[in-house]
Amino acid sequence: MTPAVPIAACASVATWREGLRKHWGGDPLAEEPERLEALADFCAFVGEGPDSIVERCFRVRKADGARVLSAKGRAHYAEKIQAFRALDPARGARRAAAVLSFLIHNGVFIQA
């Protein structure tokens, strides 16, 4: 899958970058480009762009129309992250941590 826009230009990646900047200072995605590379590889692995991944982790509650986390979406990506991690035994944990960081900074809490 080739995203229509560069991964770094996606809104969810900007949210991640800003969250990291507030937490660590500087520009962690520029200072550690392997984080962004891991996310790009994960997106290719699941065949979706970063904004789509975040969006699929939420649903609209029928009762009141509120946007809430989706247990089904979170479970789906928890499984995908585990499979992604297993692809690279040497670096898998660090690469999976980058994907989890991306999700956390976008309001999606997953334990994978």
PDB file of N, CA and C in Angstrom:
ATOM      1  N   MET A   1       0.842  -1.186   0.000  1.00  0.00           N
ATOM      2  CA  MET A   1       0.000   0.000   0.000  1.00  0.00           C
ATOM      3  C   MET A   1       0.885   1.246   0.000  1.00  0.00           C
ATOM      4  N   THR A   2       0.618   2.137  -0.899  1.00  0.00           N
ATOM      5  CA  THR A   2       1.328   3.403  -0.930  1.00  0.00           C
ATOM      6  C   THR A   2       0.345   4.487  -0.538  1.00  0.00           C
ATOM      7  N   PRO A   3       0.621   5.182   0.588  1.00  0.00           N
ATOM      8  CA  PRO A   3      -0.327   6.218   1.002  1.00  0.00           C
ATOM      9  C   PRO A   3      -0.360   7.365   0.007  1.00  0.00           C
ATOM     10  N   ALA A   4      -1.520   8.052  -0.052  1.00  0.00           N
ATOM     11  CA  ALA A   4      -1.689   9.176  -0.970  1.00  0.00           C
ATOM     12  C   ALA A   4      -0.788  10.347  -0.572  1.00  0.00           C
ATOM     13  N   VAL A   5      -0.513  10.464   0.719  1.00  0.00           N
ATOM     14  CA  VAL A   5       0.375  11.519   1.215  1.00  0.00           C
ATOM     15  C   VAL A   5       1.513  10.859   1.977  1.00  0.00           C
ATOM     16  N   PRO A   6       2.661  11.532   2.068  1.00  0.00           N
ATOM     17  CA  PRO A   6       3.754  10.954   2.850  1.00  0.00           C
ATOM     18  C   PRO A   6       3.300  10.717   4.293  1.00  0.00           C
ATOM     19  N   ILE A   7       3.764   9.632   4.876  1.00  0.00           N
ATOM     20  CA  ILE A   7       3.335   9.253   6.221  1.00  0.00           C
ATOM     21  C   ILE A   7       3.556  10.385   7.224  1.00  0.00           C
ATOM     22  N   ALA A   8       4.645  11.112   7.094  1.00  0.00           N
ATOM     23  CA  ALA A   8       4.954  12.194   8.035  1.00  0.00           C
ATOM     24  C   ALA A   8       3.948  13.339   7.942  1.00  0.00           C
ATOM     25  N   ALA A   9       3.192  13.411   6.844  1.00  0.00           N
ATOM     26  CA  ALA A   9       2.224  14.486   6.660  1.00  0.00           C
ATOM     27  C   ALA A   9       0.832  14.128   7.189  1.00  0.00           C
ATOM     28  N   CYS A  10       0.648  12.922   7.656  1.00  0.00           N
ATOM     29  CA  CYS A  10      -0.665  12.490   8.166  1.00  0.00           C
ATOM     30  C   CYS A  10      -0.975  13.179   9.489  1.00  0.00           C
ATOM     31  N   ALA A  11      -2.235  13.499   9.694  1.00  0.00           N
ATOM     32  CA  ALA A  11      -2.666  14.191  10.916  1.00  0.00           C
ATOM     33  C   ALA A  11      -2.326  13.396  12.174  1.00  0.00           C
ATOM     34  N   SER A  12      -2.507  12.089  12.128  1.00  0.00           N
ATOM     35  CA  SER A  12      -2.226  11.268  13.309  1.00  0.00           C
ATOM     36  C   SER A  12      -0.730  11.237  13.627  1.00  0.00           C
ATOM     37  N   VAL A  13       0.110  11.333  12.610  1.00  0.00           N
ATOM     38  CA  VAL A  13       1.559  11.380  12.832  1.00  0.00           C
ATOM     39  C   VAL A  13       1.938  12.733  13.425  1.00  0.00           C
ATOM     40  N   ALA A  14       1.273  13.799  12.991  1.00  0.00           N
ATOM     41  CA  ALA A  14       1.514  15.124  13.578  1.00  0.00           C
ATOM     42  C   ALA A  14       1.109  15.128  15.051  1.00  0.00           C
ATOM     43  N   THR A  15       0.008  14.468  15.383  1.00  0.00           N
ATOM     44  CA  THR A  15      -0.422  14.356  16.775  1.00  0.00           C
ATOM     45  C   THR A  15       0.625  13.609  17.587  1.00  0.00           C
ATOM     46  N   TRP A  16       1.141  12.525  17.035  1.00  0.00           N
ATOM     47  CA  TRP A  16       2.189  11.733  17.687  1.00  0.00           C
ATOM     48  C   TRP A  16       3.437  12.577  17.915  1.00  0.00           C
ATOM     49  N   ARG A  17       3.862  13.251  16.850  1.00  0.00           N
ATOM     50  CA  ARG A  17       5.062  14.092  16.932  1.00  0.00           C
ATOM     51  C   ARG A  17       4.915  15.144  18.037  1.00  0.00           C
ATOM     52  N   GLU A  18       3.757  15.795  18.089  1.00  0.00           N
ATOM     53  CA  GLU A  18       3.533  16.839  19.088  1.00  0.00           C
ATOM     54  C   GLU A  18       3.508  16.249  20.503  1.00  0.00           C
ATOM     55  N   GLY A  19       2.897  15.090  20.660  1.00  0.00           N
ATOM     56  CA  GLY A  19       2.885  14.430  21.964  1.00  0.00           C
ATOM     57  C   GLY A  19       4.280  14.064  22.427  1.00  0.00           C
ATOM     58  N   LEU A  20       5.076  13.531  21.530  1.00  0.00           N
ATOM     59  CA  LEU A  20       6.464  13.198  21.874  1.00  0.00           C
ATOM     60  C   LEU A  20       7.254  14.452  22.209  1.00  0.00           C
ATOM     61  N   ARG A  21       7.035  15.512  21.430  1.00  0.00           N
ATOM     62  CA  ARG A  21       7.740  16.770  21.649  1.00  0.00           C
ATOM     63  C   ARG A  21       7.425  17.324  23.041  1.00  0.00           C
ATOM     64  N   LYS A  22       6.150  17.281  23.422  1.00  0.00           N
ATOM     65  CA  LYS A  22       5.754  17.772  24.748  1.00  0.00           C
ATOM     66  C   LYS A  22       6.358  16.923  25.861  1.00  0.00           C
ATOM     67  N   HIS A  23       6.426  15.626  25.627  1.00  0.00           N
ATOM     68  CA  HIS A  23       6.930  14.708  26.654  1.00  0.00           C
ATOM     69  C   HIS A  23       8.453  14.716  26.759  1.00  0.00           C
ATOM     70  N   TRP A  24       9.136  14.715  25.608  1.00  0.00           N
ATOM     71  CA  TRP A  24      10.595  14.575  25.594  1.00  0.00           C
ATOM     72  C   TRP A  24      11.337  15.840  25.199  1.00  0.00           C
ATOM     73  N   GLY A  25      10.669  16.769  24.528  1.00  0.00           N
ATOM     74  CA  GLY A  25      11.358  17.951  24.001  1.00  0.00           C
ATOM     75  C   GLY A  25      11.977  17.622  22.662  1.00  0.00           C
ATOM     76  N   GLY A  26      12.413  18.627  21.971  1.00  0.00           N
ATOM     77  CA  GLY A  26      13.032  18.414  20.660  1.00  0.00           C
ATOM     78  C   GLY A  26      12.040  17.848  19.663  1.00  0.00           C
ATOM     79  N   ASP A  27      12.548  17.067  18.735  1.00  0.00           N
ATOM     80  CA  ASP A  27      11.720  16.399  17.734  1.00  0.00           C
ATOM     81  C   ASP A  27      12.133  14.937  17.682  1.00  0.00           C
ATOM     82  N   PRO A  28      11.569  14.109  18.564  1.00  0.00           N
ATOM     83  CA  PRO A  28      11.977  12.710  18.644  1.00  0.00           C
ATOM     84  C   PRO A  28      11.852  11.929  17.332  1.00  0.00           C
ATOM     85  N   LEU A  29      10.891  12.268  16.471  1.00  0.00           N
ATOM     86  CA  LEU A  29      10.772  11.546  15.211  1.00  0.00           C
ATOM     87  C   LEU A  29      11.910  11.889  14.256  1.00  0.00           C
ATOM     88  N   ALA A  30      12.429  13.107  14.340  1.00  0.00           N
ATOM     89  CA  ALA A  30      13.580  13.481  13.520  1.00  0.00           C
ATOM     90  C   ALA A  30      14.868  12.926  14.127  1.00  0.00           C
ATOM     91  N   GLU A  31      14.931  12.931  15.455  1.00  0.00           N
ATOM     92  CA  GLU A  31      16.130  12.456  16.141  1.00  0.00           C
ATOM     93  C   GLU A  31      16.249  10.933  16.124  1.00  0.00           C
ATOM     94  N   GLU A  32      15.113  10.247  16.053  1.00  0.00           N
ATOM     95  CA  GLU A  32      15.091   8.787  15.994  1.00  0.00           C
ATOM     96  C   GLU A  32      14.182   8.363  14.837  1.00  0.00           C
ATOM     97  N   PRO A  33      14.677   8.509  13.601  1.00  0.00           N
ATOM     98  CA  PRO A  33      13.838   8.220  12.430  1.00  0.00           C
ATOM     99  C   PRO A  33      13.361   6.768  12.367  1.00  0.00           C
ATOM    100  N   GLU A  34      13.992   5.883  13.129  1.00  0.00           N
ATOM    101  CA  GLU A  34      13.540   4.495  13.117  1.00  0.00           C
ATOM    102  C   GLU A  34      12.127   4.351  13.694  1.00  0.00           C
ATOM    103  N   ARG A  35      11.690   5.310  14.501  1.00  0.00           N
ATOM    104  CA  ARG A  35      10.306   5.281  15.010  1.00  0.00           C
ATOM    105  C   ARG A  35       9.321   5.435  13.856  1.00  0.00           C
ATOM    106  N   LEU A  36       9.562   6.432  13.030  1.00  0.00           N
ATOM    107  CA  LEU A  36       8.684   6.680  11.890  1.00  0.00           C
ATOM    108  C   LEU A  36       8.791   5.534  10.882  1.00  0.00           C
ATOM    109  N   GLU A  37       9.989   5.012  10.718  1.00  0.00           N
ATOM    110  CA  GLU A  37      10.196   3.869   9.825  1.00  0.00           C
ATOM    111  C   GLU A  37       9.392   2.656  10.316  1.00  0.00           C
ATOM    112  N   ALA A  38       9.406   2.430  11.622  1.00  0.00           N
ATOM    113  CA  ALA A  38       8.641   1.310  12.182  1.00  0.00           C
ATOM    114  C   ALA A  38       7.146   1.493  11.916  1.00  0.00           C
ATOM    115  N   LEU A  39       6.649   2.701  12.096  1.00  0.00           N
ATOM    116  CA  LEU A  39       5.236   2.956  11.822  1.00  0.00           C
ATOM    117  C   LEU A  39       4.928   2.742  10.343  1.00  0.00           C
ATOM    118  N   ALA A  40       5.787   3.238   9.463  1.00  0.00           N
ATOM    119  CA  ALA A  40       5.582   3.057   8.022  1.00  0.00           C
ATOM    120  C   ALA A  40       5.570   1.567   7.673  1.00  0.00           C
ATOM    121  N   ASP A  41       6.462   0.807   8.270  1.00  0.00           N
ATOM    122  CA  ASP A  41       6.507  -0.638   8.009  1.00  0.00           C
ATOM    123  C   ASP A  41       5.247  -1.323   8.551  1.00  0.00           C
ATOM    124  N   PHE A  42       4.775  -0.877   9.716  1.00  0.00           N
ATOM    125  CA  PHE A  42       3.555  -1.451  10.274  1.00  0.00           C
ATOM    126  C   PHE A  42       2.366  -1.131   9.364  1.00  0.00           C
ATOM    127  N   CYS A  43       2.294   0.095   8.882  1.00  0.00           N
ATOM    128  CA  CYS A  43       1.212   0.478   7.970  1.00  0.00           C
ATOM    129  C   CYS A  43       1.232  -0.402   6.721  1.00  0.00           C
ATOM    130  N   ALA A  44       2.409  -0.650   6.182  1.00  0.00           N
ATOM    131  CA  ALA A  44       2.526  -1.527   5.018  1.00  0.00           C
ATOM    132  C   ALA A  44       2.102  -2.950   5.395  1.00  0.00           C
ATOM    133  N   PHE A  45       2.470  -3.388   6.577  1.00  0.00           N
ATOM    134  CA  PHE A  45       2.136  -4.731   7.062  1.00  0.00           C
ATOM    135  C   PHE A  45       0.625  -4.933   7.139  1.00  0.00           C
ATOM    136  N   VAL A  46      -0.103  -3.925   7.631  1.00  0.00           N
ATOM    137  CA  VAL A  46      -1.563  -4.058   7.762  1.00  0.00           C
ATOM    138  C   VAL A  46      -2.319  -3.516   6.548  1.00  0.00           C
ATOM    139  N   GLY A  47      -1.603  -2.848   5.644  1.00  0.00           N
ATOM    140  CA  GLY A  47      -2.236  -2.333   4.432  1.00  0.00           C
ATOM    141  C   GLY A  47      -3.127  -1.129   4.652  1.00  0.00           C
ATOM    142  N   GLU A  48      -2.768  -0.317   5.640  1.00  0.00           N
ATOM    143  CA  GLU A  48      -3.558   0.883   5.958  1.00  0.00           C
ATOM    144  C   GLU A  48      -2.631   2.040   6.285  1.00  0.00           C
ATOM    145  N   GLY A  49      -3.138   3.245   6.124  1.00  0.00           N
ATOM    146  CA  GLY A  49      -2.396   4.430   6.523  1.00  0.00           C
ATOM    147  C   GLY A  49      -2.596   4.713   8.004  1.00  0.00           C
ATOM    148  N   PRO A  50      -1.745   5.552   8.584  1.00  0.00           N
ATOM    149  CA  PRO A  50      -1.831   5.839  10.016  1.00  0.00           C
ATOM    150  C   PRO A  50      -3.169   6.437  10.446  1.00  0.00           C
ATOM    151  N   ASP A  51      -3.709   7.357   9.665  1.00  0.00           N
ATOM    152  CA  ASP A  51      -4.989   7.967  10.035  1.00  0.00           C
ATOM    153  C   ASP A  51      -6.103   6.921  10.045  1.00  0.00           C
ATOM    154  N   SER A  52      -6.077   6.018   9.095  1.00  0.00           N
ATOM    155  CA  SER A  52      -7.075   4.953   9.023  1.00  0.00           C
ATOM    156  C   SER A  52      -6.974   4.017  10.230  1.00  0.00           C
ATOM    157  N   ILE A  53      -5.760   3.694  10.637  1.00  0.00           N
ATOM    158  CA  ILE A  53      -5.557   2.826  11.798  1.00  0.00           C
ATOM    159  C   ILE A  53      -6.174   3.456  13.038  1.00  0.00           C
ATOM    160  N   VAL A  54      -5.874   4.720  13.260  1.00  0.00           N
ATOM    161  CA  VAL A  54      -6.431   5.401  14.435  1.00  0.00           C
ATOM    162  C   VAL A  54      -7.953   5.435  14.351  1.00  0.00           C
ATOM    163  N   GLU A  55      -8.480   5.773  13.199  1.00  0.00           N
ATOM    164  CA  GLU A  55      -9.935   5.883  13.047  1.00  0.00           C
ATOM    165  C   GLU A  55     -10.628   4.557  13.322  1.00  0.00           C
ATOM    166  N   ARG A  56     -10.018   3.454  12.905  1.00  0.00           N
ATOM    167  CA  ARG A  56     -10.628   2.133  13.122  1.00  0.00           C
ATOM    168  C   ARG A  56     -10.617   1.723  14.587  1.00  0.00           C
ATOM    169  N   CYS A  57      -9.859   2.420  15.406  1.00  0.00           N
ATOM    170  CA  CYS A  57      -9.819   2.115  16.842  1.00  0.00           C
ATOM    171  C   CYS A  57     -10.939   2.821  17.604  1.00  0.00           C
ATOM    172  N   PHE A  58     -11.743   3.584  16.904  1.00  0.00           N
ATOM    173  CA  PHE A  58     -12.866   4.295  17.514  1.00  0.00           C
ATOM    174  C   PHE A  58     -14.162   3.879  16.823  1.00  0.00           C
ATOM    175  N   ARG A  59     -15.264   4.122  17.487  1.00  0.00           N
ATOM    176  CA  ARG A  59     -16.589   3.896  16.915  1.00  0.00           C
ATOM    177  C   ARG A  59     -17.511   4.993  17.439  1.00  0.00           C
ATOM    178  N   VAL A  60     -18.649   5.120  16.834  1.00  0.00           N
ATOM    179  CA  VAL A  60     -19.654   6.071  17.297  1.00  0.00           C
ATOM    180  C   VAL A  60     -20.687   5.287  18.101  1.00  0.00           C
ATOM    181  N   ARG A  61     -20.866   5.685  19.346  1.00  0.00           N
ATOM    182  CA  ARG A  61     -21.832   5.020  20.221  1.00  0.00           C
ATOM    183  C   ARG A  61     -23.243   5.369  19.761  1.00  0.00           C
ATOM    184  N   LYS A  62     -24.053   4.351  19.530  1.00  0.00           N
ATOM    185  CA  LYS A  62     -25.409   4.547  19.015  1.00  0.00           C
ATOM    186  C   LYS A  62     -26.289   5.341  19.975  1.00  0.00           C
ATOM    187  N   ALA A  63     -26.128   5.127  21.259  1.00  0.00           N
ATOM    188  CA  ALA A  63     -27.004   5.760  22.251  1.00  0.00           C
ATOM    189  C   ALA A  63     -26.951   7.283  22.216  1.00  0.00           C
ATOM    190  N   ASP A  64     -25.740   7.822  22.039  1.00  0.00           N
ATOM    191  CA  ASP A  64     -25.618   9.279  22.117  1.00  0.00           C
ATOM    192  C   ASP A  64     -24.742   9.902  21.026  1.00  0.00           C
ATOM    193  N   GLY A  65     -24.242   9.084  20.113  1.00  0.00           N
ATOM    194  CA  GLY A  65     -23.430   9.608  19.019  1.00  0.00           C
ATOM    195  C   GLY A  65     -22.017   9.993  19.408  1.00  0.00           C
ATOM    196  N   ALA A  66     -21.599   9.648  20.625  1.00  0.00           N
ATOM    197  CA  ALA A  66     -20.247   9.988  21.082  1.00  0.00           C
ATOM    198  C   ALA A  66     -19.213   9.079  20.427  1.00  0.00           C
ATOM    199  N   ARG A  67     -18.060   9.633  20.170  1.00  0.00           N
ATOM    200  CA  ARG A  67     -16.924   8.867  19.622  1.00  0.00           C
ATOM    201  C   ARG A  67     -16.207   8.212  20.797  1.00  0.00           C
ATOM    202  N   VAL A  68     -16.165   6.877  20.784  1.00  0.00           N
ATOM    203  CA  VAL A  68     -15.560   6.127  21.878  1.00  0.00           C
ATOM    204  C   VAL A  68     -14.602   5.078  21.308  1.00  0.00           C
ATOM    205  N   LEU A  69     -13.707   4.585  22.170  1.00  0.00           N
ATOM    206  CA  LEU A  69     -12.793   3.536  21.745  1.00  0.00           C
ATOM    207  C   LEU A  69     -13.561   2.274  21.387  1.00  0.00           C
ATOM    208  N   SER A  70     -13.080   1.589  20.396  1.00  0.00           N
ATOM    209  CA  SER A  70     -13.684   0.339  19.946  1.00  0.00           C
ATOM    210  C   SER A  70     -12.863  -0.833  20.487  1.00  0.00           C
ATOM    211  N   ALA A  71     -13.482  -1.671  21.300  1.00  0.00           N
ATOM    212  CA  ALA A  71     -12.791  -2.854  21.820  1.00  0.00           C
ATOM    213  C   ALA A  71     -12.385  -3.767  20.673  1.00  0.00           C
ATOM    214  N   LYS A  72     -13.234  -3.894  19.681  1.00  0.00           N
ATOM    215  CA  LYS A  72     -12.946  -4.745  18.525  1.00  0.00           C
ATOM    216  C   LYS A  72     -11.744  -4.207  17.742  1.00  0.00           C
ATOM    217  N   GLY A  73     -11.718  -2.910  17.494  1.00  0.00           N
ATOM    218  CA  GLY A  73     -10.599  -2.302  16.776  1.00  0.00           C
ATOM    219  C   GLY A  73      -9.298  -2.424  17.538  1.00  0.00           C
ATOM    220  N   ARG A  74      -9.364  -2.175  18.825  1.00  0.00           N
ATOM    221  CA  ARG A  74      -8.156  -2.288  19.655  1.00  0.00           C
ATOM    222  C   ARG A  74      -7.639  -3.718  19.670  1.00  0.00           C
ATOM    223  N   ALA A  75      -8.528  -4.695  19.786  1.00  0.00           N
ATOM    224  CA  ALA A  75      -8.116  -6.106  19.787  1.00  0.00           C
ATOM    225  C   ALA A  75      -7.488  -6.484  18.449  1.00  0.00           C
ATOM    226  N   HIS A  76      -8.077  -5.995  17.373  1.00  0.00           N
ATOM    227  CA  HIS A  76      -7.542  -6.263  16.033  1.00  0.00           C
ATOM    228  C   HIS A  76      -6.092  -5.787  15.922  1.00  0.00           C
ATOM    229  N   TYR A  77      -5.846  -4.547  16.332  1.00  0.00           N
ATOM    230  CA  TYR A  77      -4.494  -4.007  16.204  1.00  0.00           C
ATOM    231  C   TYR A  77      -3.529  -4.585  17.230  1.00  0.00           C
ATOM    232  N   ALA A  78      -4.018  -4.996  18.383  1.00  0.00           N
ATOM    233  CA  ALA A  78      -3.144  -5.674  19.356  1.00  0.00           C
ATOM    234  C   ALA A  78      -2.594  -6.955  18.731  1.00  0.00           C
ATOM    235  N   GLU A  79      -3.447  -7.703  18.044  1.00  0.00           N
ATOM    236  CA  GLU A  79      -2.999  -8.923  17.358  1.00  0.00           C
ATOM    237  C   GLU A  79      -2.010  -8.600  16.241  1.00  0.00           C
ATOM    238  N   LYS A  80      -2.313  -7.562  15.472  1.00  0.00           N
ATOM    239  CA  LYS A  80      -1.424  -7.173  14.370  1.00  0.00           C
ATOM    240  C   LYS A  80      -0.057  -6.722  14.887  1.00  0.00           C
ATOM    241  N   ILE A  81      -0.045  -6.008  16.000  1.00  0.00           N
ATOM    242  CA  ILE A  81       1.220  -5.553  16.572  1.00  0.00           C
ATOM    243  C   ILE A  81       2.052  -6.744  17.033  1.00  0.00           C
ATOM    244  N   GLN A  82       1.412  -7.739  17.638  1.00  0.00           N
ATOM    245  CA  GLN A  82       2.131  -8.943  18.063  1.00  0.00           C
ATOM    246  C   GLN A  82       2.734  -9.654  16.857  1.00  0.00           C
ATOM    247  N   ALA A  83       1.973  -9.779  15.783  1.00  0.00           N
ATOM    248  CA  ALA A  83       2.482 -10.425  14.572  1.00  0.00           C
ATOM    249  C   ALA A  83       3.621  -9.612  13.961  1.00  0.00           C
ATOM    250  N   PHE A  84       3.485  -8.297  13.947  1.00  0.00           N
ATOM    251  CA  PHE A  84       4.527  -7.408  13.432  1.00  0.00           C
ATOM    252  C   PHE A  84       5.807  -7.556  14.251  1.00  0.00           C
ATOM    253  N   ARG A  85       5.649  -7.608  15.560  1.00  0.00           N
ATOM    254  CA  ARG A  85       6.793  -7.768  16.460  1.00  0.00           C
ATOM    255  C   ARG A  85       7.547  -9.064  16.159  1.00  0.00           C
ATOM    256  N   ALA A  86       6.819 -10.120  15.887  1.00  0.00           N
ATOM    257  CA  ALA A  86       7.422 -11.433  15.645  1.00  0.00           C
ATOM    258  C   ALA A  86       8.212 -11.495  14.337  1.00  0.00           C
ATOM    259  N   LEU A  87       7.974 -10.559  13.427  1.00  0.00           N
ATOM    260  CA  LEU A  87       8.685 -10.562  12.144  1.00  0.00           C
ATOM    261  C   LEU A  87      10.181 -10.304  12.286  1.00  0.00           C
ATOM    262  N   ASP A  88      10.567  -9.604  13.330  1.00  0.00           N
ATOM    263  CA  ASP A  88      11.967  -9.199  13.508  1.00  0.00           C
ATOM    264  C   ASP A  88      12.378  -9.449  14.963  1.00  0.00           C
ATOM    265  N   PRO A  89      12.815 -10.676  15.273  1.00  0.00           N
ATOM    266  CA  PRO A  89      13.143 -10.997  16.663  1.00  0.00           C
ATOM    267  C   PRO A  89      14.158 -10.046  17.305  1.00  0.00           C
ATOM    268  N   ALA A  90      15.092  -9.534  16.541  1.00  0.00           N
ATOM    269  CA  ALA A  90      16.131  -8.672  17.104  1.00  0.00           C
ATOM    270  C   ALA A  90      15.608  -7.277  17.446  1.00  0.00           C
ATOM    271  N   ARG A  91      14.766  -6.719  16.582  1.00  0.00           N
ATOM    272  CA  ARG A  91      14.297  -5.344  16.782  1.00  0.00           C
ATOM    273  C   ARG A  91      12.798  -5.238  16.992  1.00  0.00           C
ATOM    274  N   GLY A  92      12.116  -6.370  17.011  1.00  0.00           N
ATOM    275  CA  GLY A  92      10.662  -6.385  17.056  1.00  0.00           C
ATOM    276  C   GLY A  92      10.055  -5.650  18.233  1.00  0.00           C
ATOM    277  N   ALA A  93      10.636  -5.827  19.420  1.00  0.00           N
ATOM    278  CA  ALA A  93      10.073  -5.175  20.611  1.00  0.00           C
ATOM    279  C   ALA A  93      10.154  -3.659  20.485  1.00  0.00           C
ATOM    280  N   ARG A  94      11.273  -3.161  20.011  1.00  0.00           N
ATOM    281  CA  ARG A  94      11.436  -1.704  19.869  1.00  0.00           C
ATOM    282  C   ARG A  94      10.515  -1.149  18.785  1.00  0.00           C
ATOM    283  N   ARG A  95      10.379  -1.900  17.692  1.00  0.00           N
ATOM    284  CA  ARG A  95       9.510  -1.448  16.598  1.00  0.00           C
ATOM    285  C   ARG A  95       8.036  -1.483  17.025  1.00  0.00           C
ATOM    286  N   ALA A  96       7.652  -2.508  17.757  1.00  0.00           N
ATOM    287  CA  ALA A  96       6.285  -2.585  18.267  1.00  0.00           C
ATOM    288  C   ALA A  96       6.028  -1.455  19.257  1.00  0.00           C
ATOM    289  N   ALA A  97       7.034  -1.120  20.062  1.00  0.00           N
ATOM    290  CA  ALA A  97       6.887  -0.021  21.024  1.00  0.00           C
ATOM    291  C   ALA A  97       6.645   1.307  20.303  1.00  0.00           C
ATOM    292  N   ALA A  98       7.274   1.494  19.154  1.00  0.00           N
ATOM    293  CA  ALA A  98       7.058   2.725  18.378  1.00  0.00           C
ATOM    294  C   ALA A  98       5.609   2.796  17.900  1.00  0.00           C
ATOM    295  N   VAL A  99       5.072   1.674  17.442  1.00  0.00           N
ATOM    296  CA  VAL A  99       3.676   1.639  16.981  1.00  0.00           C
ATOM    297  C   VAL A  99       2.735   1.901  18.155  1.00  0.00           C
ATOM    298  N   LEU A 100       3.015   1.284  19.296  1.00  0.00           N
ATOM    299  CA  LEU A 100       2.194   1.517  20.483  1.00  0.00           C
ATOM    300  C   LEU A 100       2.250   2.975  20.915  1.00  0.00           C
ATOM    301  N   SER A 101       3.428   3.580  20.846  1.00  0.00           N
ATOM    302  CA  SER A 101       3.575   4.995  21.181  1.00  0.00           C
ATOM    303  C   SER A 101       2.711   5.855  20.258  1.00  0.00           C
ATOM    304  N   PHE A 102       2.742   5.544  18.980  1.00  0.00           N
ATOM    305  CA  PHE A 102       1.912   6.254  18.007  1.00  0.00           C
ATOM    306  C   PHE A 102       0.441   6.176  18.401  1.00  0.00           C
ATOM    307  N   LEU A 103      -0.019   4.977  18.732  1.00  0.00           N
ATOM    308  CA  LEU A 103      -1.419   4.801  19.097  1.00  0.00           C
ATOM    309  C   LEU A 103      -1.756   5.521  20.397  1.00  0.00           C
ATOM    310  N   ILE A 104      -0.906   5.400  21.383  1.00  0.00           N
ATOM    311  CA  ILE A 104      -1.149   6.044  22.679  1.00  0.00           C
ATOM    312  C   ILE A 104      -1.288   7.552  22.516  1.00  0.00           C
ATOM    313  N   HIS A 105      -0.404   8.155  21.741  1.00  0.00           N
ATOM    314  CA  HIS A 105      -0.458   9.608  21.560  1.00  0.00           C
ATOM    315  C   HIS A 105      -1.666  10.046  20.735  1.00  0.00           C
ATOM    316  N   ASN A 106      -2.335   9.068  20.116  1.00  0.00           N
ATOM    317  CA  ASN A 106      -3.564   9.351  19.387  1.00  0.00           C
ATOM    318  C   ASN A 106      -4.794   8.893  20.174  1.00  0.00           C
ATOM    319  N   GLY A 107      -4.612   8.637  21.463  1.00  0.00           N
ATOM    320  CA  GLY A 107      -5.741   8.322  22.333  1.00  0.00           C
ATOM    321  C   GLY A 107      -6.179   6.877  22.350  1.00  0.00           C
ATOM    322  N   VAL A 108      -5.357   5.984  21.797  1.00  0.00           N
ATOM    323  CA  VAL A 108      -5.702   4.568  21.728  1.00  0.00           C
ATOM    324  C   VAL A 108      -4.735   3.800  22.630  1.00  0.00           C
ATOM    325  N   PHE A 109      -5.271   3.223  23.690  1.00  0.00           N
ATOM    326  CA  PHE A 109      -4.444   2.487  24.635  1.00  0.00           C
ATOM    327  C   PHE A 109      -4.586   1.001  24.366  1.00  0.00           C
ATOM    328  N   ILE A 110      -3.469   0.373  23.984  1.00  0.00           N
ATOM    329  CA  ILE A 110      -3.443  -1.043  23.657  1.00  0.00           C
ATOM    330  C   ILE A 110      -2.319  -1.694  24.435  1.00  0.00           C
ATOM    331  N   GLN A 111      -2.594  -2.838  24.997  1.00  0.00           N
ATOM    332  CA  GLN A 111      -1.534  -3.647  25.600  1.00  0.00           C
ATOM    333  C   GLN A 111      -1.292  -4.803  24.661  1.00  0.00           C
ATOM    334  N   ALA A 112      -0.142  -4.784  24.039  1.00  0.00           N
ATOM    335  CA  ALA A 112       0.162  -5.843  23.056  1.00  0.00           C
ATOM    336  C   ALA A 112       1.322  -6.675  23.532  1.00  0.00           C
TER     337      ALA A 112
END
